[in-house]
Amino acid sequence: MLQAIMDGERVFEDKVEVRAENGEDKLVLFSISFPEDPAAFHRVVVSMVDITQREMALKALAEAQAELTKASKAATVGAMSASLAHELNQPLGAIVVNSQTLLRWLDRDPPDLAAVRRSAERMIRDSQRASEIIQNTRGLLSPSRNKLENVSLDRLIDETMALMEHELQRSGTTVLVDRMPDIPPVSAVKIELQQVLINLMTNAIQAMDEAGSPERIIGIATERPDIEHVSIAVRDSGPGITEDAKDKLFAPFFTTKATGMGMGLSICRSTLEARGGKLDGTNHPEGGAIFEMRLLIKPEVEHA
């Protein structure tokens, strides 16, 4: 209050704790109006408004909102946990294949140590990938935000294809990449984009497997539809999306697979939308399904 007087302010206002005559503590809005004439400071206007109930209500509301946010995050993690088996299946399966390959190279006479080293390096890479998936899921409940980084779409596609190498070879799938030149990087959480791209490629492989498609091709194309966005489109040569599935494609727990959980596409869309992006799926005019990831180059919001 004295500082306000020294600064020449006309009004001082603050929240103040006072103790009533009955010993009850109150929170009040305390306000003083200062006169223009310094000689008139023997008489000032003072007001106090009891805001105890209002502040208690605001505090209760803030606590309820915090609990709601925490519960929402817990629900998201629950949904993510339902898909962890699906997400972790790829890197863990690759580790098993590379382990078996490593043993075969060791059994040779003499052992092919160069090939053993390559298999061991792939096992380390896939182990780190599995660890990142788990850490990303745990990070949803962390008070700290996931770290954004500049992600090159070309490098993202190359690294994802390397991670999917065994699955592509097993299914006899060819990947054709159409890269837009000089496409800018996006500010994103790399592991999130990689999970979405792996999910879309895995779905494409499974759709072509189940349909027994004679020609198994996945086309990946990067574009810049407008000044604020870039996109990655994933197209397969499978049977496409049925009419019954179109409206429910991204609904949680909806699946067309006998062993599917129906969480993959729902989580993929939620992951992109949380960063201001978008995921759509439809049938390509020339056949097969096509899914487009549309990403903000510079996200305006970050969600934990």
Protein backbone atom coordinates (compact mmCIF):
# COMPACT_ATOMS: atom_id res chain seq x y z
CA MET A 1 0.00 0.00 0.00
CA LEU A 2 2.83 2.38 0.86
CA GLN A 3 4.49 1.56 -2.45
CA ALA A 4 1.26 2.46 -4.27
CA ILE A 5 1.19 5.82 -2.47
CA MET A 6 4.84 6.48 -3.37
CA ASP A 7 4.10 5.62 -7.01
CA GLY A 8 1.30 8.18 -7.09
CA GLU A 9 -1.44 5.65 -7.76
CA ARG A 10 -5.05 6.63 -7.05
CA VAL A 11 -6.26 3.18 -5.98
CA PHE A 12 -4.70 0.22 -4.17
CA GLU A 13 -6.41 -3.19 -4.30
CA ASP A 14 -5.39 -6.64 -3.14
CA LYS A 15 -6.68 -9.86 -1.62
CA VAL A 16 -6.17 -9.85 2.12
CA GLU A 17 -6.74 -12.41 4.85
CA VAL A 18 -8.54 -10.98 7.89
CA ARG A 19 -9.73 -12.52 11.14
CA ALA A 20 -13.28 -11.73 12.22
CA GLU A 21 -14.27 -10.94 15.81
CA ASN A 22 -15.50 -14.52 16.22
CA GLY A 23 -12.04 -15.84 15.23
CA GLU A 24 -13.09 -16.96 11.74
CA ASP A 25 -10.58 -16.28 8.96
CA LYS A 26 -11.95 -14.54 5.86
CA LEU A 27 -10.51 -13.68 2.47
CA VAL A 28 -11.53 -10.17 1.41
CA LEU A 29 -10.98 -7.89 -1.55
CA PHE A 30 -9.37 -4.87 0.14
CA SER A 31 -9.49 -1.55 -1.71
CA ILE A 32 -8.35 2.00 -0.84
CA SER A 33 -8.94 5.17 -2.89
CA PHE A 34 -6.28 7.82 -2.39
CA PRO A 35 -7.10 11.57 -2.60
CA GLU A 36 -5.39 13.79 -5.16
CA ASP A 37 -4.47 16.33 -2.45
CA PRO A 38 -1.77 14.91 -0.14
CA ALA A 39 -3.20 17.07 2.67
CA ALA A 40 -6.42 15.07 2.53
CA PHE A 41 -4.82 11.74 3.48
CA HIS A 42 -6.38 11.95 6.94
CA ARG A 43 -9.58 10.68 5.27
CA VAL A 44 -9.55 7.91 2.65
CA VAL A 45 -12.21 5.59 1.25
CA VAL A 46 -11.70 1.95 2.25
CA SER A 47 -13.80 -1.00 1.18
CA MET A 48 -13.70 -4.71 1.94
CA VAL A 49 -15.73 -7.32 0.10
CA ASP A 50 -15.94 -10.84 1.49
CA ILE A 51 -14.83 -13.17 -1.35
CA THR A 52 -14.23 -16.25 0.79
CA GLN A 53 -17.03 -18.31 -0.78
CA ARG A 54 -16.10 -17.21 -4.30
CA GLU A 55 -12.44 -18.15 -3.84
CA MET A 56 -13.38 -21.49 -2.30
CA ALA A 57 -15.66 -22.18 -5.26
CA LEU A 58 -12.91 -21.20 -7.72
CA LYS A 59 -10.42 -23.40 -5.88
CA ALA A 60 -12.86 -26.33 -5.93
CA LEU A 61 -13.47 -25.75 -9.66
CA ALA A 62 -9.73 -25.67 -10.39
CA GLU A 63 -9.22 -28.89 -8.42
CA ALA A 64 -12.13 -30.54 -10.25
CA GLN A 65 -10.72 -29.46 -13.61
CA ALA A 66 -7.30 -30.82 -12.64
CA GLU A 67 -8.86 -34.14 -11.66
CA LEU A 68 -10.85 -34.21 -14.90
CA THR A 69 -7.70 -33.55 -16.92
CA LYS A 70 -5.89 -36.31 -15.04
CA ALA A 71 -8.79 -38.72 -15.58
CA SER A 72 -8.88 -37.81 -19.27
CA LYS A 73 -5.19 -38.57 -19.56
CA ALA A 74 -5.68 -41.85 -17.72
CA ALA A 75 -8.45 -42.79 -20.17
CA THR A 76 -6.14 -41.96 -23.07
CA VAL A 77 -3.39 -44.10 -21.60
CA GLY A 78 -5.93 -46.88 -21.12
CA ALA A 79 -6.78 -46.72 -24.79
CA MET A 80 -3.08 -46.61 -25.68
CA SER A 81 -2.42 -49.62 -23.47
CA ALA A 82 -5.04 -51.56 -25.40
CA SER A 83 -2.98 -51.01 -28.55
CA LEU A 84 0.47 -51.57 -27.03
CA ALA A 85 0.41 -55.24 -27.95
CA HIS A 86 -0.20 -54.20 -31.55
CA GLU A 87 2.43 -51.44 -31.48
CA LEU A 88 5.09 -53.57 -29.78
CA ASN A 89 4.45 -56.62 -31.95
CA GLN A 90 6.51 -55.19 -34.83
CA PRO A 91 9.78 -54.35 -32.99
CA LEU A 92 9.60 -57.43 -30.75
CA GLY A 93 8.91 -59.68 -33.74
CA ALA A 94 11.86 -58.11 -35.57
CA ILE A 95 14.11 -58.81 -32.54
CA VAL A 96 13.13 -62.49 -32.62
CA VAL A 97 13.79 -62.76 -36.36
CA ASN A 98 17.16 -61.03 -36.03
CA SER A 99 18.09 -63.28 -33.09
CA GLN A 100 17.34 -66.38 -35.15
CA THR A 101 19.30 -64.96 -38.07
CA LEU A 102 22.25 -64.15 -35.79
CA LEU A 103 22.35 -67.75 -34.53
CA ARG A 104 22.35 -69.10 -38.09
CA TRP A 105 25.32 -66.86 -39.00
CA LEU A 106 27.15 -68.07 -35.86
CA ASP A 107 26.51 -71.72 -36.77
CA ARG A 108 28.35 -71.31 -40.07
CA ASP A 109 31.86 -72.63 -40.35
CA PRO A 110 33.52 -70.22 -40.12
CA PRO A 111 30.98 -67.85 -38.52
CA ASP A 112 30.07 -64.81 -40.64
CA LEU A 113 30.93 -62.15 -38.07
CA ALA A 114 30.03 -59.24 -40.36
CA ALA A 115 26.49 -60.60 -40.77
CA VAL A 116 26.33 -61.31 -37.01
CA ARG A 117 27.21 -57.67 -36.34
CA ARG A 118 24.47 -56.43 -38.71
CA SER A 119 21.88 -58.61 -36.96
CA ALA A 120 23.02 -57.41 -33.54
CA GLU A 121 22.78 -53.75 -34.65
CA ARG A 122 19.22 -54.35 -35.89
CA MET A 123 18.31 -55.95 -32.55
CA ILE A 124 19.62 -52.87 -30.71
CA ARG A 125 17.67 -50.56 -33.04
CA ASP A 126 14.41 -52.50 -32.58
CA SER A 127 14.91 -52.69 -28.79
CA GLN A 128 15.28 -48.91 -28.67
CA ARG A 129 12.15 -48.57 -30.79
CA ALA A 130 10.15 -50.73 -28.32
CA SER A 131 11.51 -48.67 -25.42
CA GLU A 132 10.47 -45.41 -27.15
CA ILE A 133 6.92 -46.71 -27.64
CA ILE A 134 6.62 -47.52 -23.93
CA GLN A 135 8.19 -44.20 -22.85
CA ASN A 136 5.85 -42.27 -25.14
CA THR A 137 2.83 -43.99 -23.60
CA ARG A 138 4.06 -43.29 -20.06
CA GLY A 139 4.71 -39.69 -21.05
CA LEU A 140 0.97 -39.10 -21.48
CA LEU A 141 0.57 -38.93 -17.69
CA SER A 142 3.74 -36.96 -17.12
CA PRO A 143 3.36 -33.28 -16.19
CA SER A 144 6.14 -32.45 -18.68
CA ARG A 145 5.26 -32.16 -22.35
CA ASN A 146 6.72 -34.43 -24.99
CA LYS A 147 9.59 -32.64 -26.68
CA LEU A 148 8.93 -31.26 -30.15
CA GLU A 149 11.68 -31.51 -32.76
CA ASN A 150 12.11 -30.73 -36.44
CA VAL A 151 11.21 -33.94 -38.28
CA SER A 152 12.22 -34.51 -41.90
CA LEU A 153 9.44 -36.44 -43.65
CA ASP A 154 11.92 -38.08 -46.05
CA ARG A 155 14.05 -39.33 -43.15
CA LEU A 156 10.93 -40.39 -41.24
CA ILE A 157 9.78 -42.53 -44.20
CA ASP A 158 13.25 -44.06 -44.70
CA GLU A 159 13.62 -44.98 -41.01
CA THR A 160 10.09 -46.40 -40.87
CA MET A 161 10.74 -48.57 -43.94
CA ALA A 162 13.92 -49.85 -42.26
CA LEU A 163 11.91 -50.76 -39.15
CA MET A 164 9.34 -52.54 -41.33
CA GLU A 165 11.98 -54.37 -43.39
CA HIS A 166 11.24 -57.91 -42.18
CA GLU A 167 7.47 -57.47 -42.38
CA LEU A 168 7.72 -56.13 -45.92
CA GLN A 169 9.97 -59.02 -46.96
CA ARG A 170 7.73 -61.62 -45.29
CA SER A 171 4.62 -60.37 -47.06
CA GLY A 172 6.34 -59.78 -50.41
CA THR A 173 5.31 -56.11 -50.35
CA THR A 174 7.00 -53.46 -52.47
CA VAL A 175 7.05 -49.86 -51.26
CA LEU A 176 7.11 -47.05 -53.83
CA VAL A 177 7.90 -43.59 -52.46
CA ASP A 178 6.96 -40.40 -54.32
CA ARG A 179 8.83 -37.58 -52.58
CA MET A 180 7.95 -33.93 -53.07
CA PRO A 181 11.21 -31.98 -53.46
CA ASP A 182 12.18 -29.39 -50.84
CA ILE A 183 9.31 -30.29 -48.52
CA PRO A 184 9.81 -28.49 -45.17
CA PRO A 185 10.28 -30.38 -41.88
CA VAL A 186 7.46 -30.42 -39.34
CA SER A 187 7.68 -29.52 -35.66
CA ALA A 188 6.44 -32.74 -34.03
CA VAL A 189 7.18 -35.62 -31.67
CA LYS A 190 8.98 -38.02 -34.00
CA ILE A 191 7.97 -41.24 -32.22
CA GLU A 192 4.29 -40.27 -32.54
CA LEU A 193 4.49 -39.78 -36.32
CA GLN A 194 6.47 -42.99 -36.66
CA GLN A 195 3.86 -44.96 -34.74
CA VAL A 196 1.10 -43.62 -36.98
CA LEU A 197 3.04 -44.40 -40.19
CA ILE A 198 3.93 -47.92 -39.00
CA ASN A 199 0.27 -48.52 -38.09
CA LEU A 200 -0.92 -47.44 -41.54
CA MET A 201 1.69 -49.57 -43.32
CA THR A 202 0.90 -52.59 -41.11
CA ASN A 203 -2.83 -52.22 -41.83
CA ALA A 204 -2.08 -52.05 -45.56
CA ILE A 205 0.02 -55.23 -45.42
CA GLN A 206 -2.65 -57.09 -43.44
CA ALA A 207 -5.43 -55.94 -45.79
CA MET A 208 -3.51 -57.23 -48.82
CA ASP A 209 -2.63 -60.46 -46.96
CA GLU A 210 -6.26 -61.19 -46.05
CA ALA A 211 -7.49 -60.40 -49.57
CA GLY A 212 -4.75 -62.51 -51.15
CA SER A 213 -3.81 -59.63 -53.45
CA PRO A 214 -1.58 -60.93 -56.27
CA GLU A 215 0.27 -57.62 -56.49
CA ARG A 216 1.24 -56.15 -53.13
CA ILE A 217 2.32 -52.53 -53.37
CA ILE A 218 2.29 -49.71 -50.83
CA GLY A 219 2.63 -46.21 -52.25
CA ILE A 220 3.84 -43.43 -49.96
CA ALA A 221 3.65 -39.84 -51.21
CA THR A 222 4.57 -36.53 -49.58
CA GLU A 223 2.89 -33.27 -50.59
CA ARG A 224 2.34 -29.71 -49.41
CA PRO A 225 -1.42 -29.06 -49.86
CA ASP A 226 -1.17 -25.48 -48.55
CA ILE A 227 1.24 -23.07 -46.90
CA GLU A 228 0.54 -24.33 -43.35
CA HIS A 229 0.42 -28.09 -43.91
CA VAL A 230 2.35 -31.02 -45.32
CA SER A 231 0.92 -34.49 -45.86
CA ILE A 232 1.93 -38.14 -46.10
CA ALA A 233 -0.42 -40.39 -48.07
CA VAL A 234 -0.26 -44.19 -47.72
CA ARG A 235 -2.01 -46.18 -50.45
CA ASP A 236 -2.25 -49.97 -50.83
CA SER A 237 -3.20 -52.27 -53.69
CA GLY A 238 -5.72 -54.20 -51.55
CA PRO A 239 -9.49 -54.49 -51.83
CA GLY A 240 -10.21 -51.06 -50.33
CA ILE A 241 -12.64 -50.06 -47.58
CA THR A 242 -16.11 -51.61 -47.59
CA GLU A 243 -19.22 -49.44 -47.46
CA ASP A 244 -20.12 -50.84 -44.01
CA ALA A 245 -16.73 -49.86 -42.60
CA LYS A 246 -16.45 -46.32 -44.03
CA ASP A 247 -18.52 -44.55 -41.36
CA LYS A 248 -16.99 -46.52 -38.46
CA LEU A 249 -13.39 -46.58 -39.66
CA PHE A 250 -12.00 -44.46 -36.82
CA ALA A 251 -14.44 -45.54 -34.11
CA PRO A 252 -12.78 -47.13 -31.04
CA PHE A 253 -13.00 -50.94 -30.90
CA PHE A 254 -14.32 -51.22 -34.47
CA THR A 255 -12.29 -53.72 -36.50
CA THR A 256 -12.69 -55.83 -39.63
CA LYS A 257 -9.94 -58.23 -38.53
CA ALA A 258 -10.63 -61.48 -36.70
CA THR A 259 -7.84 -60.80 -34.19
CA GLY A 260 -7.95 -57.00 -34.24
CA MET A 261 -8.69 -54.76 -31.24
CA GLY A 262 -10.03 -51.80 -33.21
CA MET A 263 -7.80 -49.24 -31.49
CA GLY A 264 -5.07 -48.57 -34.08
CA LEU A 265 -6.79 -46.06 -36.37
CA SER A 266 -8.65 -44.39 -33.50
CA ILE A 267 -5.39 -43.74 -31.66
CA CYS A 268 -3.63 -42.66 -34.87
CA ARG A 269 -6.27 -40.00 -35.50
CA SER A 270 -6.25 -38.82 -31.85
CA THR A 271 -2.44 -38.60 -31.91
CA LEU A 272 -2.43 -36.34 -34.98
CA GLU A 273 -5.39 -34.22 -33.83
CA ALA A 274 -3.64 -33.55 -30.51
CA ARG A 275 -0.93 -31.74 -32.52
CA GLY A 276 -3.35 -29.90 -34.80
CA GLY A 277 -3.13 -32.51 -37.56
CA LYS A 278 -5.66 -34.74 -39.27
CA LEU A 279 -6.06 -38.32 -40.52
CA ASP A 280 -8.55 -39.35 -43.21
CA GLY A 281 -9.13 -42.61 -45.04
CA THR A 282 -11.01 -43.43 -48.21
CA ASN A 283 -10.85 -45.57 -51.34
CA HIS A 284 -8.56 -44.51 -54.18
CA PRO A 285 -10.29 -44.05 -57.56
CA GLU A 286 -7.85 -46.53 -59.13
CA GLY A 287 -8.35 -49.15 -56.40
CA GLY A 288 -7.13 -49.85 -52.88
CA ALA A 289 -7.40 -47.76 -49.73
CA ILE A 290 -5.57 -44.49 -49.14
CA PHE A 291 -4.95 -42.78 -45.80
CA GLU A 292 -3.65 -39.23 -45.58
CA MET A 293 -1.78 -37.78 -42.61
CA ARG A 294 -2.10 -33.98 -42.75
CA LEU A 295 0.37 -32.24 -40.43
CA LEU A 296 0.79 -28.64 -39.30
CA ILE A 297 4.29 -27.44 -40.13
CA LYS A 298 4.30 -25.33 -36.94
CA PRO A 299 1.72 -26.63 -34.42
CA GLU A 300 -0.09 -23.86 -32.58
CA VAL A 301 -0.84 -26.03 -29.56
CA GLU A 302 0.89 -28.80 -27.68
CA HIS A 303 -1.00 -31.37 -25.65
CA ALA A 304 0.67 -33.59 -23.10
